[in-house]
Amino acid sequence: MATHDQLRVISRLSVTRSDGGGARRGSHLRGTVAAAALVIAACAAGPRTAADYEKGSATDSQFRKDAAACEKQAEASGKEFGYGPYDPTHGAYDRMYDMCMRSGGYPRKPQP
């Protein structure tokens, strides 16, 4: 489901009155806004790339070659275990890419 479709569903839920009164609408709306914020935040972060890892003592060409192999492996994993290019969290892709790069001896750069 595309992000704009998810937000459309969330906005419909926030307008629905569950008890005939407006008392519950405020808390429901806050929950809906929080859920929408999480969806947007997940979409804002892109998938992992070679720029997220330290190359260490590897040569530039070896690092690029290893990163390309990890990218190919992560794309296959994302298609099999995630939603492929439609996965806003890039979860399956990121896990496989991270595992591949770390097993190749490339630690992740410290996060700001």
PDB file of N, CA and C in Angstrom:
ATOM      1  N   MET A   1       0.849  -1.163   0.000  1.00  0.00           N
ATOM      2  CA  MET A   1       0.000   0.000   0.000  1.00  0.00           C
ATOM      3  C   MET A   1       0.900   1.234   0.000  1.00  0.00           C
ATOM      4  N   ALA A   2       0.648   2.138  -0.882  1.00  0.00           N
ATOM      5  CA  ALA A   2       1.470   3.338  -0.983  1.00  0.00           C
ATOM      6  C   ALA A   2       1.235   4.247   0.211  1.00  0.00           C
ATOM      7  N   THR A   3       2.189   5.086   0.491  1.00  0.00           N
ATOM      8  CA  THR A   3       2.116   5.956   1.655  1.00  0.00           C
ATOM      9  C   THR A   3       0.902   6.865   1.598  1.00  0.00           C
ATOM     10  N   HIS A   4       0.622   7.447   0.448  1.00  0.00           N
ATOM     11  CA  HIS A   4      -0.536   8.345   0.357  1.00  0.00           C
ATOM     12  C   HIS A   4      -1.826   7.583   0.597  1.00  0.00           C
ATOM     13  N   ASP A   5      -1.899   6.307   0.204  1.00  0.00           N
ATOM     14  CA  ASP A   5      -3.074   5.492   0.486  1.00  0.00           C
ATOM     15  C   ASP A   5      -3.196   5.215   1.980  1.00  0.00           C
ATOM     16  N   GLN A   6      -2.069   4.978   2.648  1.00  0.00           N
ATOM     17  CA  GLN A   6      -2.094   4.744   4.088  1.00  0.00           C
ATOM     18  C   GLN A   6      -2.583   5.983   4.813  1.00  0.00           C
ATOM     19  N   LEU A   7      -2.106   7.149   4.402  1.00  0.00           N
ATOM     20  CA  LEU A   7      -2.537   8.382   5.053  1.00  0.00           C
ATOM     21  C   LEU A   7      -4.016   8.654   4.797  1.00  0.00           C
ATOM     22  N   ARG A   8      -4.502   8.299   3.607  1.00  0.00           N
ATOM     23  CA  ARG A   8      -5.918   8.482   3.302  1.00  0.00           C
ATOM     24  C   ARG A   8      -6.771   7.599   4.217  1.00  0.00           C
ATOM     25  N   VAL A   9      -6.353   6.357   4.432  1.00  0.00           N
ATOM     26  CA  VAL A   9      -7.077   5.449   5.332  1.00  0.00           C
ATOM     27  C   VAL A   9      -7.044   5.983   6.750  1.00  0.00           C
ATOM     28  N   ILE A  10      -5.890   6.459   7.169  1.00  0.00           N
ATOM     29  CA  ILE A  10      -5.764   7.002   8.527  1.00  0.00           C
ATOM     30  C   ILE A  10      -6.659   8.214   8.693  1.00  0.00           C
ATOM     31  N   SER A  11      -6.730   9.088   7.687  1.00  0.00           N
ATOM     32  CA  SER A  11      -7.572  10.279   7.819  1.00  0.00           C
ATOM     33  C   SER A  11      -9.043   9.907   7.863  1.00  0.00           C
ATOM     34  N   ARG A  12      -9.451   8.865   7.145  1.00  0.00           N
ATOM     35  CA  ARG A  12     -10.838   8.413   7.218  1.00  0.00           C
ATOM     36  C   ARG A  12     -11.162   7.894   8.604  1.00  0.00           C
ATOM     37  N   LEU A  13     -10.229   7.186   9.207  1.00  0.00           N
ATOM     38  CA  LEU A  13     -10.458   6.662  10.546  1.00  0.00           C
ATOM     39  C   LEU A  13     -10.624   7.776  11.563  1.00  0.00           C
ATOM     40  N   SER A  14      -9.930   8.866  11.393  1.00  0.00           N
ATOM     41  CA  SER A  14      -9.995   9.947  12.365  1.00  0.00           C
ATOM     42  C   SER A  14     -11.323  10.689  12.298  1.00  0.00           C
ATOM     43  N   VAL A  15     -12.030  10.624  11.166  1.00  0.00           N
ATOM     44  CA  VAL A  15     -13.295  11.323  11.034  1.00  0.00           C
ATOM     45  C   VAL A  15     -14.448  10.470  11.550  1.00  0.00           C
ATOM     46  N   THR A  16     -14.299   9.159  11.570  1.00  0.00           N
ATOM     47  CA  THR A  16     -15.351   8.260  11.998  1.00  0.00           C
ATOM     48  C   THR A  16     -15.652   8.456  13.472  1.00  0.00           C
ATOM     49  N   ARG A  17     -16.928   8.613  13.807  1.00  0.00           N
ATOM     50  CA  ARG A  17     -17.331   8.779  15.203  1.00  0.00           C
ATOM     51  C   ARG A  17     -17.730   7.423  15.739  1.00  0.00           C
ATOM     52  N   SER A  18     -17.128   7.008  16.826  1.00  0.00           N
ATOM     53  CA  SER A  18     -17.380   5.670  17.341  1.00  0.00           C
ATOM     54  C   SER A  18     -18.483   5.616  18.372  1.00  0.00           C
ATOM     55  N   ASP A  19     -18.799   6.712  19.057  1.00  0.00           N
ATOM     56  CA  ASP A  19     -19.789   6.655  20.126  1.00  0.00           C
ATOM     57  C   ASP A  19     -20.921   7.667  19.945  1.00  0.00           C
ATOM     58  N   GLY A  20     -21.014   8.272  18.786  1.00  0.00           N
ATOM     59  CA  GLY A  20     -22.075   9.235  18.558  1.00  0.00           C
ATOM     60  C   GLY A  20     -21.754  10.606  19.121  1.00  0.00           C
ATOM     61  N   GLY A  21     -20.733  10.715  19.920  1.00  0.00           N
ATOM     62  CA  GLY A  21     -20.356  11.998  20.517  1.00  0.00           C
ATOM     63  C   GLY A  21     -18.942  12.330  20.133  1.00  0.00           C
ATOM     64  N   GLY A  22     -18.486  13.473  20.534  1.00  0.00           N
ATOM     65  CA  GLY A  22     -17.154  13.908  20.175  1.00  0.00           C
ATOM     66  C   GLY A  22     -16.121  13.637  21.244  1.00  0.00           C
ATOM     67  N   ALA A  23     -16.500  12.989  22.348  1.00  0.00           N
ATOM     68  CA  ALA A  23     -15.582  12.803  23.470  1.00  0.00           C
ATOM     69  C   ALA A  23     -14.380  11.946  23.088  1.00  0.00           C
ATOM     70  N   ARG A  24     -14.623  10.899  22.318  1.00  0.00           N
ATOM     71  CA  ARG A  24     -13.533   9.993  21.981  1.00  0.00           C
ATOM     72  C   ARG A  24     -12.773  10.449  20.748  1.00  0.00           C
ATOM     73  N   ARG A  25     -13.321  11.377  20.022  1.00  0.00           N
ATOM     74  CA  ARG A  25     -12.690  11.815  18.786  1.00  0.00           C
ATOM     75  C   ARG A  25     -11.318  12.436  19.050  1.00  0.00           C
ATOM     76  N   GLY A  26     -11.181  13.195  20.110  1.00  0.00           N
ATOM     77  CA  GLY A  26      -9.905  13.842  20.412  1.00  0.00           C
ATOM     78  C   GLY A  26      -8.789  12.842  20.642  1.00  0.00           C
ATOM     79  N   SER A  27      -9.044  11.803  21.434  1.00  0.00           N
ATOM     80  CA  SER A  27      -8.000  10.807  21.695  1.00  0.00           C
ATOM     81  C   SER A  27      -7.734   9.963  20.454  1.00  0.00           C
ATOM     82  N   HIS A  28      -8.772   9.700  19.693  1.00  0.00           N
ATOM     83  CA  HIS A  28      -8.607   8.925  18.458  1.00  0.00           C
ATOM     84  C   HIS A  28      -7.791   9.722  17.446  1.00  0.00           C
ATOM     85  N   LEU A  29      -8.058  11.019  17.384  1.00  0.00           N
ATOM     86  CA  LEU A  29      -7.327  11.875  16.452  1.00  0.00           C
ATOM     87  C   LEU A  29      -5.857  11.958  16.831  1.00  0.00           C
ATOM     88  N   ARG A  30      -5.559  12.048  18.133  1.00  0.00           N
ATOM     89  CA  ARG A  30      -4.161  12.081  18.564  1.00  0.00           C
ATOM     90  C   ARG A  30      -3.447  10.796  18.184  1.00  0.00           C
ATOM     91  N   GLY A  31      -4.104   9.658  18.353  1.00  0.00           N
ATOM     92  CA  GLY A  31      -3.504   8.375  17.964  1.00  0.00           C
ATOM     93  C   GLY A  31      -3.278   8.288  16.469  1.00  0.00           C
ATOM     94  N   THR A  32      -4.225   8.827  15.720  1.00  0.00           N
ATOM     95  CA  THR A  32      -4.105   8.827  14.261  1.00  0.00           C
ATOM     96  C   THR A  32      -2.944   9.709  13.811  1.00  0.00           C
ATOM     97  N   VAL A  33      -2.808  10.865  14.431  1.00  0.00           N
ATOM     98  CA  VAL A  33      -1.704  11.765  14.080  1.00  0.00           C
ATOM     99  C   VAL A  33      -0.368  11.112  14.418  1.00  0.00           C
ATOM    100  N   ALA A  34      -0.296  10.428  15.559  1.00  0.00           N
ATOM    101  CA  ALA A  34       0.947   9.745  15.936  1.00  0.00           C
ATOM    102  C   ALA A  34       1.282   8.641  14.936  1.00  0.00           C
ATOM    103  N   ALA A  35       0.278   7.882  14.514  1.00  0.00           N
ATOM    104  CA  ALA A  35       0.510   6.816  13.534  1.00  0.00           C
ATOM    105  C   ALA A  35       0.967   7.404  12.198  1.00  0.00           C
ATOM    106  N   ALA A  36       0.360   8.500  11.794  1.00  0.00           N
ATOM    107  CA  ALA A  36       0.748   9.135  10.535  1.00  0.00           C
ATOM    108  C   ALA A  36       2.181   9.649  10.615  1.00  0.00           C
ATOM    109  N   ALA A  37       2.561  10.179  11.764  1.00  0.00           N
ATOM    110  CA  ALA A  37       3.934  10.671  11.935  1.00  0.00           C
ATOM    111  C   ALA A  37       4.940   9.529  11.818  1.00  0.00           C
ATOM    112  N   LEU A  38       4.599   8.364  12.365  1.00  0.00           N
ATOM    113  CA  LEU A  38       5.488   7.207  12.258  1.00  0.00           C
ATOM    114  C   LEU A  38       5.634   6.751  10.813  1.00  0.00           C
ATOM    115  N   VAL A  39       4.543   6.734  10.077  1.00  0.00           N
ATOM    116  CA  VAL A  39       4.585   6.326   8.673  1.00  0.00           C
ATOM    117  C   VAL A  39       5.454   7.293   7.877  1.00  0.00           C
ATOM    118  N   ILE A  40       5.287   8.571   8.109  1.00  0.00           N
ATOM    119  CA  ILE A  40       6.071   9.577   7.383  1.00  0.00           C
ATOM    120  C   ILE A  40       7.547   9.471   7.744  1.00  0.00           C
ATOM    121  N   ALA A  41       7.844   9.267   9.033  1.00  0.00           N
ATOM    122  CA  ALA A  41       9.242   9.139   9.465  1.00  0.00           C
ATOM    123  C   ALA A  41       9.893   7.907   8.840  1.00  0.00           C
ATOM    124  N   ALA A  42       9.144   6.821   8.755  1.00  0.00           N
ATOM    125  CA  ALA A  42       9.696   5.597   8.161  1.00  0.00           C
ATOM    126  C   ALA A  42       9.985   5.798   6.675  1.00  0.00           C
ATOM    127  N   CYS A  43       9.154   6.579   6.010  1.00  0.00           N
ATOM    128  CA  CYS A  43       9.349   6.817   4.584  1.00  0.00           C
ATOM    129  C   CYS A  43      10.485   7.793   4.316  1.00  0.00           C
ATOM    130  N   ALA A  44      10.771   8.655   5.269  1.00  0.00           N
ATOM    131  CA  ALA A  44      11.799   9.671   5.073  1.00  0.00           C
ATOM    132  C   ALA A  44      13.194   9.056   5.025  1.00  0.00           C
ATOM    133  N   ALA A  45      13.402   8.002   5.785  1.00  0.00           N
ATOM    134  CA  ALA A  45      14.718   7.359   5.815  1.00  0.00           C
ATOM    135  C   ALA A  45      14.841   6.422   4.618  1.00  0.00           C
ATOM    136  N   GLY A  46      15.886   6.587   3.859  1.00  0.00           N
ATOM    137  CA  GLY A  46      16.109   5.725   2.703  1.00  0.00           C
ATOM    138  C   GLY A  46      16.795   4.442   3.125  1.00  0.00           C
ATOM    139  N   PRO A  47      16.972   3.537   2.202  1.00  0.00           N
ATOM    140  CA  PRO A  47      17.659   2.282   2.527  1.00  0.00           C
ATOM    141  C   PRO A  47      19.142   2.538   2.796  1.00  0.00           C
ATOM    142  N   ARG A  48      19.773   1.587   3.432  1.00  0.00           N
ATOM    143  CA  ARG A  48      21.195   1.703   3.750  1.00  0.00           C
ATOM    144  C   ARG A  48      22.022   1.692   2.466  1.00  0.00           C
ATOM    145  N   THR A  49      23.137   2.397   2.516  1.00  0.00           N
ATOM    146  CA  THR A  49      24.052   2.460   1.375  1.00  0.00           C
ATOM    147  C   THR A  49      25.476   2.297   1.876  1.00  0.00           C
ATOM    148  N   ALA A  50      26.415   2.239   0.956  1.00  0.00           N
ATOM    149  CA  ALA A  50      27.825   2.115   1.313  1.00  0.00           C
ATOM    150  C   ALA A  50      28.297   3.314   2.133  1.00  0.00           C
ATOM    151  N   ALA A  51      27.649   4.457   1.968  1.00  0.00           N
ATOM    152  CA  ALA A  51      28.030   5.658   2.717  1.00  0.00           C
ATOM    153  C   ALA A  51      27.794   5.497   4.217  1.00  0.00           C
ATOM    154  N   ASP A  52      27.007   4.504   4.618  1.00  0.00           N
ATOM    155  CA  ASP A  52      26.727   4.270   6.038  1.00  0.00           C
ATOM    156  C   ASP A  52      27.802   3.424   6.715  1.00  0.00           C
ATOM    157  N   TYR A  53      28.808   2.994   5.977  1.00  0.00           N
ATOM    158  CA  TYR A  53      29.809   2.062   6.510  1.00  0.00           C
ATOM    159  C   TYR A  53      31.224   2.605   6.345  1.00  0.00           C
ATOM    160  N   GLU A  54      32.092   2.199   7.273  1.00  0.00           N
ATOM    161  CA  GLU A  54      33.514   2.541   7.218  1.00  0.00           C
ATOM    162  C   GLU A  54      34.197   1.560   6.272  1.00  0.00           C
ATOM    163  N   LYS A  55      35.035   2.064   5.383  1.00  0.00           N
ATOM    164  CA  LYS A  55      35.710   1.151   4.453  1.00  0.00           C
ATOM    165  C   LYS A  55      36.964   0.535   5.057  1.00  0.00           C
ATOM    166  N   GLY A  56      37.448   1.096   6.143  1.00  0.00           N
ATOM    167  CA  GLY A  56      38.620   0.530   6.797  1.00  0.00           C
ATOM    168  C   GLY A  56      39.834   0.537   5.888  1.00  0.00           C
ATOM    169  N   SER A  57      40.559  -0.573   5.848  1.00  0.00           N
ATOM    170  CA  SER A  57      41.787  -0.655   5.054  1.00  0.00           C
ATOM    171  C   SER A  57      41.547  -1.180   3.637  1.00  0.00           C
ATOM    172  N   ALA A  58      40.292  -1.421   3.286  1.00  0.00           N
ATOM    173  CA  ALA A  58      39.980  -1.927   1.944  1.00  0.00           C
ATOM    174  C   ALA A  58      40.225  -0.840   0.898  1.00  0.00           C
ATOM    175  N   THR A  59      40.583  -1.256  -0.282  1.00  0.00           N
ATOM    176  CA  THR A  59      40.749  -0.302  -1.375  1.00  0.00           C
ATOM    177  C   THR A  59      39.374   0.192  -1.820  1.00  0.00           C
ATOM    178  N   ASP A  60      39.366   1.330  -2.501  1.00  0.00           N
ATOM    179  CA  ASP A  60      38.090   1.874  -2.977  1.00  0.00           C
ATOM    180  C   ASP A  60      37.368   0.901  -3.898  1.00  0.00           C
ATOM    181  N   SER A  61      38.117   0.294  -4.803  1.00  0.00           N
ATOM    182  CA  SER A  61      37.478  -0.626  -5.745  1.00  0.00           C
ATOM    183  C   SER A  61      36.930  -1.865  -5.043  1.00  0.00           C
ATOM    184  N   GLN A  62      37.645  -2.391  -4.049  1.00  0.00           N
ATOM    185  CA  GLN A  62      37.156  -3.557  -3.307  1.00  0.00           C
ATOM    186  C   GLN A  62      35.917  -3.189  -2.491  1.00  0.00           C
ATOM    187  N   PHE A  63      35.932  -2.020  -1.875  1.00  0.00           N
ATOM    188  CA  PHE A  63      34.785  -1.566  -1.084  1.00  0.00           C
ATOM    189  C   PHE A  63      33.552  -1.408  -1.974  1.00  0.00           C
ATOM    190  N   ARG A  64      33.712  -0.784  -3.142  1.00  0.00           N
ATOM    191  CA  ARG A  64      32.582  -0.620  -4.064  1.00  0.00           C
ATOM    192  C   ARG A  64      32.068  -1.968  -4.559  1.00  0.00           C
ATOM    193  N   LYS A  65      32.984  -2.887  -4.835  1.00  0.00           N
ATOM    194  CA  LYS A  65      32.598  -4.222  -5.310  1.00  0.00           C
ATOM    195  C   LYS A  65      31.797  -4.959  -4.223  1.00  0.00           C
ATOM    196  N   ASP A  66      32.288  -4.906  -2.981  1.00  0.00           N
ATOM    197  CA  ASP A  66      31.584  -5.560  -1.875  1.00  0.00           C
ATOM    198  C   ASP A  66      30.225  -4.902  -1.625  1.00  0.00           C
ATOM    199  N   ALA A  67      30.170  -3.570  -1.683  1.00  0.00           N
ATOM    200  CA  ALA A  67      28.911  -2.857  -1.470  1.00  0.00           C
ATOM    201  C   ALA A  67      27.894  -3.206  -2.557  1.00  0.00           C
ATOM    202  N   ALA A  68      28.349  -3.337  -3.803  1.00  0.00           N
ATOM    203  CA  ALA A  68      27.450  -3.701  -4.906  1.00  0.00           C
ATOM    204  C   ALA A  68      26.904  -5.116  -4.717  1.00  0.00           C
ATOM    205  N   ALA A  69      27.769  -6.035  -4.262  1.00  0.00           N
ATOM    206  CA  ALA A  69      27.317  -7.410  -4.004  1.00  0.00           C
ATOM    207  C   ALA A  69      26.295  -7.430  -2.869  1.00  0.00           C
ATOM    208  N   CYS A  70      26.535  -6.640  -1.830  1.00  0.00           N
ATOM    209  CA  CYS A  70      25.601  -6.577  -0.710  1.00  0.00           C
ATOM    210  C   CYS A  70      24.280  -5.953  -1.136  1.00  0.00           C
ATOM    211  N   GLU A  71      24.346  -4.952  -2.010  1.00  0.00           N
ATOM    212  CA  GLU A  71      23.129  -4.316  -2.503  1.00  0.00           C
ATOM    213  C   GLU A  71      22.279  -5.310  -3.289  1.00  0.00           C
ATOM    214  N   LYS A  72      22.925  -6.096  -4.119  1.00  0.00           N
ATOM    215  CA  LYS A  72      22.210  -7.104  -4.916  1.00  0.00           C
ATOM    216  C   LYS A  72      21.560  -8.148  -4.007  1.00  0.00           C
ATOM    217  N   GLN A  73      22.297  -8.583  -3.000  1.00  0.00           N
ATOM    218  CA  GLN A  73      21.773  -9.576  -2.062  1.00  0.00           C
ATOM    219  C   GLN A  73      20.625  -8.975  -1.243  1.00  0.00           C
ATOM    220  N   ALA A  74      20.760  -7.720  -0.841  1.00  0.00           N
ATOM    221  CA  ALA A  74      19.716  -7.067  -0.046  1.00  0.00           C
ATOM    222  C   ALA A  74      18.453  -6.834  -0.867  1.00  0.00           C
ATOM    223  N   GLU A  75      18.608  -6.519  -2.154  1.00  0.00           N
ATOM    224  CA  GLU A  75      17.431  -6.348  -3.009  1.00  0.00           C
ATOM    225  C   GLU A  75      16.651  -7.646  -3.135  1.00  0.00           C
ATOM    226  N   ALA A  76      17.356  -8.746  -3.282  1.00  0.00           N
ATOM    227  CA  ALA A  76      16.684 -10.050  -3.355  1.00  0.00           C
ATOM    228  C   ALA A  76      15.963 -10.355  -2.040  1.00  0.00           C
ATOM    229  N   SER A  77      16.589 -10.029  -0.931  1.00  0.00           N
ATOM    230  CA  SER A  77      15.972 -10.258   0.373  1.00  0.00           C
ATOM    231  C   SER A  77      14.741  -9.369   0.552  1.00  0.00           C
ATOM    232  N   GLY A  78      14.843  -8.124   0.101  1.00  0.00           N
ATOM    233  CA  GLY A  78      13.707  -7.212   0.202  1.00  0.00           C
ATOM    234  C   GLY A  78      12.523  -7.681  -0.610  1.00  0.00           C
ATOM    235  N   LYS A  79      12.785  -8.281  -1.763  1.00  0.00           N
ATOM    236  CA  LYS A  79      11.695  -8.812  -2.590  1.00  0.00           C
ATOM    237  C   LYS A  79      11.069 -10.045  -1.959  1.00  0.00           C
ATOM    238  N   GLU A  80      11.901 -10.886  -1.341  1.00  0.00           N
ATOM    239  CA  GLU A  80      11.394 -12.135  -0.773  1.00  0.00           C
ATOM    240  C   GLU A  80      10.726 -11.931   0.583  1.00  0.00           C
ATOM    241  N   PHE A  81      11.313 -11.119   1.439  1.00  0.00           N
ATOM    242  CA  PHE A  81      10.821 -11.007   2.811  1.00  0.00           C
ATOM    243  C   PHE A  81      10.166  -9.668   3.126  1.00  0.00           C
ATOM    244  N   GLY A  82      10.225  -8.714   2.219  1.00  0.00           N
ATOM    245  CA  GLY A  82       9.611  -7.407   2.441  1.00  0.00           C
ATOM    246  C   GLY A  82       8.606  -7.126   1.351  1.00  0.00           C
ATOM    247  N   TYR A  83       8.408  -5.853   1.071  1.00  0.00           N
ATOM    248  CA  TYR A  83       7.477  -5.447   0.029  1.00  0.00           C
ATOM    249  C   TYR A  83       8.218  -4.873  -1.160  1.00  0.00           C
ATOM    250  N   GLY A  84       9.491  -5.239  -1.299  1.00  0.00           N
ATOM    251  CA  GLY A  84      10.284  -4.765  -2.426  1.00  0.00           C
ATOM    252  C   GLY A  84      10.388  -3.255  -2.436  1.00  0.00           C
ATOM    253  N   PRO A  85      10.215  -2.639  -3.589  1.00  0.00           N
ATOM    254  CA  PRO A  85      10.348  -1.173  -3.669  1.00  0.00           C
ATOM    255  C   PRO A  85       9.211  -0.432  -2.976  1.00  0.00           C
ATOM    256  N   TYR A  86       8.157  -1.154  -2.562  1.00  0.00           N
ATOM    257  CA  TYR A  86       7.009  -0.523  -1.916  1.00  0.00           C
ATOM    258  C   TYR A  86       7.094  -0.579  -0.395  1.00  0.00           C
ATOM    259  N   ASP A  87       8.203  -1.056   0.131  1.00  0.00           N
ATOM    260  CA  ASP A  87       8.380  -1.164   1.582  1.00  0.00           C
ATOM    261  C   ASP A  87       8.906   0.162   2.121  1.00  0.00           C
ATOM    262  N   PRO A  88       8.065   0.925   2.831  1.00  0.00           N
ATOM    263  CA  PRO A  88       8.514   2.237   3.306  1.00  0.00           C
ATOM    264  C   PRO A  88       9.586   2.153   4.385  1.00  0.00           C
ATOM    265  N   THR A  89       9.688   1.038   5.079  1.00  0.00           N
ATOM    266  CA  THR A  89      10.672   0.928   6.160  1.00  0.00           C
ATOM    267  C   THR A  89      11.993   0.353   5.684  1.00  0.00           C
ATOM    268  N   HIS A  90      12.011  -0.300   4.543  1.00  0.00           N
ATOM    269  CA  HIS A  90      13.214  -0.949   3.997  1.00  0.00           C
ATOM    270  C   HIS A  90      13.785  -1.963   4.992  1.00  0.00           C
ATOM    271  N   GLY A  91      12.938  -2.545   5.823  1.00  0.00           N
ATOM    272  CA  GLY A  91      13.395  -3.425   6.894  1.00  0.00           C
ATOM    273  C   GLY A  91      14.178  -4.633   6.420  1.00  0.00           C
ATOM    274  N   ALA A  92      13.600  -5.420   5.537  1.00  0.00           N
ATOM    275  CA  ALA A  92      14.286  -6.635   5.069  1.00  0.00           C
ATOM    276  C   ALA A  92      15.551  -6.278   4.305  1.00  0.00           C
ATOM    277  N   TYR A  93      15.474  -5.239   3.487  1.00  0.00           N
ATOM    278  CA  TYR A  93      16.645  -4.785   2.724  1.00  0.00           C
ATOM    279  C   TYR A  93      17.751  -4.351   3.683  1.00  0.00           C
ATOM    280  N   ASP A  94      17.419  -3.494   4.648  1.00  0.00           N
ATOM    281  CA  ASP A  94      18.425  -2.963   5.575  1.00  0.00           C
ATOM    282  C   ASP A  94      19.081  -4.055   6.411  1.00  0.00           C
ATOM    283  N   ARG A  95      18.287  -5.010   6.883  1.00  0.00           N
ATOM    284  CA  ARG A  95      18.858  -6.105   7.693  1.00  0.00           C
ATOM    285  C   ARG A  95      19.867  -6.916   6.892  1.00  0.00           C
ATOM    286  N   MET A  96      19.514  -7.258   5.649  1.00  0.00           N
ATOM    287  CA  MET A  96      20.423  -8.058   4.836  1.00  0.00           C
ATOM    288  C   MET A  96      21.657  -7.253   4.437  1.00  0.00           C
ATOM    289  N   TYR A  97      21.473  -5.998   4.063  1.00  0.00           N
ATOM    290  CA  TYR A  97      22.605  -5.162   3.671  1.00  0.00           C
ATOM    291  C   TYR A  97      23.559  -5.002   4.852  1.00  0.00           C
ATOM    292  N   ASP A  98      23.015  -4.749   6.018  1.00  0.00           N
ATOM    293  CA  ASP A  98      23.839  -4.583   7.217  1.00  0.00           C
ATOM    294  C   ASP A  98      24.605  -5.859   7.540  1.00  0.00           C
ATOM    295  N   MET A  99      23.917  -6.996   7.484  1.00  0.00           N
ATOM    296  CA  MET A  99      24.565  -8.269   7.788  1.00  0.00           C
ATOM    297  C   MET A  99      25.684  -8.557   6.779  1.00  0.00           C
ATOM    298  N   CYS A 100      25.419  -8.278   5.517  1.00  0.00           N
ATOM    299  CA  CYS A 100      26.405  -8.532   4.467  1.00  0.00           C
ATOM    300  C   CYS A 100      27.632  -7.636   4.637  1.00  0.00           C
ATOM    301  N   MET A 101      27.421  -6.357   4.853  1.00  0.00           N
ATOM    302  CA  MET A 101      28.544  -5.426   4.998  1.00  0.00           C
ATOM    303  C   MET A 101      29.360  -5.734   6.258  1.00  0.00           C
ATOM    304  N   ARG A 102      28.681  -6.024   7.352  1.00  0.00           N
ATOM    305  CA  ARG A 102      29.399  -6.338   8.590  1.00  0.00           C
ATOM    306  C   ARG A 102      30.182  -7.641   8.468  1.00  0.00           C
ATOM    307  N   SER A 103      29.619  -8.621   7.766  1.00  0.00           N
ATOM    308  CA  SER A 103      30.344  -9.880   7.597  1.00  0.00           C
ATOM    309  C   SER A 103      31.558  -9.691   6.695  1.00  0.00           C
ATOM    310  N   GLY A 104      31.536  -8.657   5.864  1.00  0.00           N
ATOM    311  CA  GLY A 104      32.683  -8.334   5.020  1.00  0.00           C
ATOM    312  C   GLY A 104      33.738  -7.517   5.750  1.00  0.00           C
ATOM    313  N   GLY A 105      33.457  -7.186   7.019  1.00  0.00           N
ATOM    314  CA  GLY A 105      34.427  -6.453   7.817  1.00  0.00           C
ATOM    315  C   GLY A 105      34.271  -4.945   7.774  1.00  0.00           C
ATOM    316  N   TYR A 106      33.100  -4.461   7.348  1.00  0.00           N
ATOM    317  CA  TYR A 106      32.857  -3.028   7.279  1.00  0.00           C
ATOM    318  C   TYR A 106      31.901  -2.613   8.393  1.00  0.00           C
ATOM    319  N   PRO A 107      32.415  -1.979   9.444  1.00  0.00           N
ATOM    320  CA  PRO A 107      31.516  -1.558  10.529  1.00  0.00           C
ATOM    321  C   PRO A 107      30.690  -0.332  10.111  1.00  0.00           C
ATOM    322  N   ARG A 108      29.533  -0.183  10.733  1.00  0.00           N
ATOM    323  CA  ARG A 108      28.703   0.995  10.464  1.00  0.00           C
ATOM    324  C   ARG A 108      29.336   2.230  11.062  1.00  0.00           C
ATOM    325  N   LYS A 109      29.153   3.339  10.379  1.00  0.00           N
ATOM    326  CA  LYS A 109      29.622   4.621  10.906  1.00  0.00           C
ATOM    327  C   LYS A 109      28.743   5.002  12.093  1.00  0.00           C
ATOM    328  N   PRO A 110      29.307   5.714  13.075  1.00  0.00           N
ATOM    329  CA  PRO A 110      28.497   6.155  14.213  1.00  0.00           C
ATOM    330  C   PRO A 110      27.351   7.038  13.737  1.00  0.00           C
ATOM    331  N   GLN A 111      26.178   6.832  14.322  1.00  0.00           N
ATOM    332  CA  GLN A 111      25.010   7.630  13.959  1.00  0.00           C
ATOM    333  C   GLN A 111      25.023   8.931  14.737  1.00  0.00           C
ATOM    334  N   PRO A 112      24.655  10.045  14.082  1.00  0.00           N
ATOM    335  CA  PRO A 112      24.651  11.350  14.779  1.00  0.00           C
ATOM    336  C   PRO A 112      23.561  11.437  15.819  1.00  0.00           C
TER     337      PRO A 112
END
